[in-house]
Amino acid sequence: MAARANAENFEELVLKSELPVLVDFYSDSCIPCKMMAGIVGDIEDDYEGKLNVYKVNVNFDESLASKYEVLAAPTFVAFNKGAETGRIAGKTTKDALLGLFEGLV
């Protein structure tokens, strides 16, 4: 399962990461979020050492959700070298998520 990121460690884990990062902004009560958990886990396992994956609970880290203009859960945000490079809101496919990192992993 992807490690949790929060307001205190987001900069270190995500923005300063040497690897590209997928951040899953989710909610525990969100059915599509639960449906995506397996896909996110597969990406984490398949791309270990090439891509970091973190989860941010929008209920507990509202400041991060607000800062990154996350309006729906799940929202998947791709980062590379500290900058947002793409996002997908809502239930999606593994291929679509990996497409956010085309040429990077």
Protein backbone atom coordinates (compact mmCIF):
# COMPACT_ATOMS: atom_id res chain seq x y z
CA MET A 1 0.00 0.00 0.00
CA ALA A 2 1.28 3.45 -0.90
CA ALA A 3 2.81 5.48 1.90
CA ARG A 4 0.86 8.42 3.27
CA ALA A 5 1.98 11.96 2.60
CA ASN A 6 0.71 14.93 4.55
CA ALA A 7 1.27 18.67 4.86
CA GLU A 8 4.33 18.14 7.07
CA ASN A 9 6.22 15.78 4.74
CA PHE A 10 4.79 16.58 1.29
CA GLU A 11 7.67 18.82 0.25
CA GLU A 12 10.30 16.26 1.23
CA LEU A 13 8.51 13.20 -0.16
CA VAL A 14 6.96 14.65 -3.31
CA LEU A 15 8.46 17.97 -4.32
CA LYS A 16 12.09 17.03 -3.60
CA SER A 17 11.85 13.49 -4.96
CA GLU A 18 14.50 12.45 -7.46
CA LEU A 19 11.95 10.10 -9.03
CA PRO A 20 8.64 11.04 -10.64
CA VAL A 21 5.76 10.87 -8.15
CA LEU A 22 2.12 9.85 -8.38
CA VAL A 23 -0.04 11.35 -5.62
CA ASP A 24 -3.44 9.81 -4.99
CA PHE A 25 -5.70 12.38 -3.32
CA TYR A 26 -8.41 10.17 -1.81
CA SER A 27 -11.06 9.85 0.87
CA ASP A 28 -11.77 6.79 3.01
CA SER A 29 -15.50 7.08 2.28
CA CYS A 30 -15.06 7.37 -1.50
CA ILE A 31 -16.18 4.24 -3.41
CA PRO A 32 -14.21 5.08 -6.61
CA CYS A 33 -11.13 5.65 -4.40
CA LYS A 34 -11.49 2.14 -3.01
CA MET A 35 -11.96 0.77 -6.51
CA MET A 36 -8.70 2.43 -7.58
CA ALA A 37 -6.66 1.12 -4.62
CA GLY A 38 -5.66 -2.08 -6.41
CA ILE A 39 -4.53 -0.23 -9.53
CA VAL A 40 -2.51 2.24 -7.48
CA GLY A 41 -0.96 -0.67 -5.58
CA ASP A 42 -0.06 -2.45 -8.82
CA ILE A 43 1.66 0.69 -10.14
CA GLU A 44 3.58 1.03 -6.88
CA ASP A 45 4.74 -2.60 -7.10
CA ASP A 46 5.47 -2.63 -10.84
CA TYR A 47 7.44 0.63 -10.85
CA GLU A 48 9.31 0.37 -7.55
CA GLY A 49 12.58 2.26 -7.87
CA LYS A 50 11.32 4.16 -10.92
CA LEU A 51 8.26 5.96 -9.57
CA ASN A 52 7.19 6.95 -6.05
CA VAL A 53 3.53 6.64 -5.08
CA TYR A 54 1.94 8.48 -2.15
CA LYS A 55 -1.61 8.87 -0.87
CA VAL A 56 -3.05 12.07 0.61
CA ASN A 57 -6.31 11.86 2.54
CA VAL A 58 -8.28 14.96 1.54
CA ASN A 59 -10.29 14.85 4.77
CA PHE A 60 -7.22 15.13 6.98
CA ASP A 61 -5.05 17.25 4.69
CA GLU A 62 -7.50 19.83 3.42
CA SER A 63 -4.68 22.37 3.06
CA LEU A 64 -2.92 20.19 0.47
CA ALA A 65 -6.15 19.47 -1.35
CA SER A 66 -6.86 23.18 -1.48
CA LYS A 67 -3.32 24.13 -2.51
CA TYR A 68 -3.41 21.68 -5.44
CA GLU A 69 -7.03 22.52 -6.30
CA VAL A 70 -8.28 18.99 -5.77
CA LEU A 71 -12.05 19.25 -6.17
CA ALA A 72 -12.96 15.56 -6.34
CA ALA A 73 -11.74 12.27 -4.97
CA PRO A 74 -9.96 10.46 -6.30
CA THR A 75 -7.65 12.88 -8.05
CA PHE A 76 -4.29 11.61 -9.25
CA VAL A 77 -1.55 14.21 -9.66
CA ALA A 78 1.78 13.52 -11.34
CA PHE A 79 4.89 15.39 -10.23
CA ASN A 80 8.36 15.46 -11.71
CA LYS A 81 11.22 17.43 -10.17
CA GLY A 82 8.84 19.32 -7.91
CA ALA A 83 6.41 20.43 -10.61
CA GLU A 84 2.95 19.13 -11.43
CA THR A 85 3.06 17.50 -14.85
CA GLY A 86 -0.48 16.18 -15.17
CA ARG A 87 -3.61 15.01 -13.40
CA ILE A 88 -6.64 12.82 -13.74
CA ALA A 89 -9.78 13.20 -11.63
CA GLY A 90 -12.09 10.27 -11.02
CA LYS A 91 -11.95 6.55 -11.65
CA THR A 92 -9.55 5.71 -14.47
CA THR A 93 -7.34 2.95 -15.84
CA LYS A 94 -3.82 1.85 -15.07
CA ASP A 95 -2.75 2.78 -18.60
CA ALA A 96 -4.17 6.29 -18.23
CA LEU A 97 -2.29 6.80 -14.96
CA LEU A 98 0.93 5.50 -16.45
CA GLY A 99 0.37 7.82 -19.41
CA LEU A 100 0.98 10.71 -17.01
CA PHE A 101 4.59 9.50 -16.83
CA GLU A 102 5.25 8.77 -20.49
CA GLY A 103 8.94 9.15 -21.19
CA LEU A 104 9.76 9.36 -17.48
CA VAL A 105 9.53 5.74 -16.28
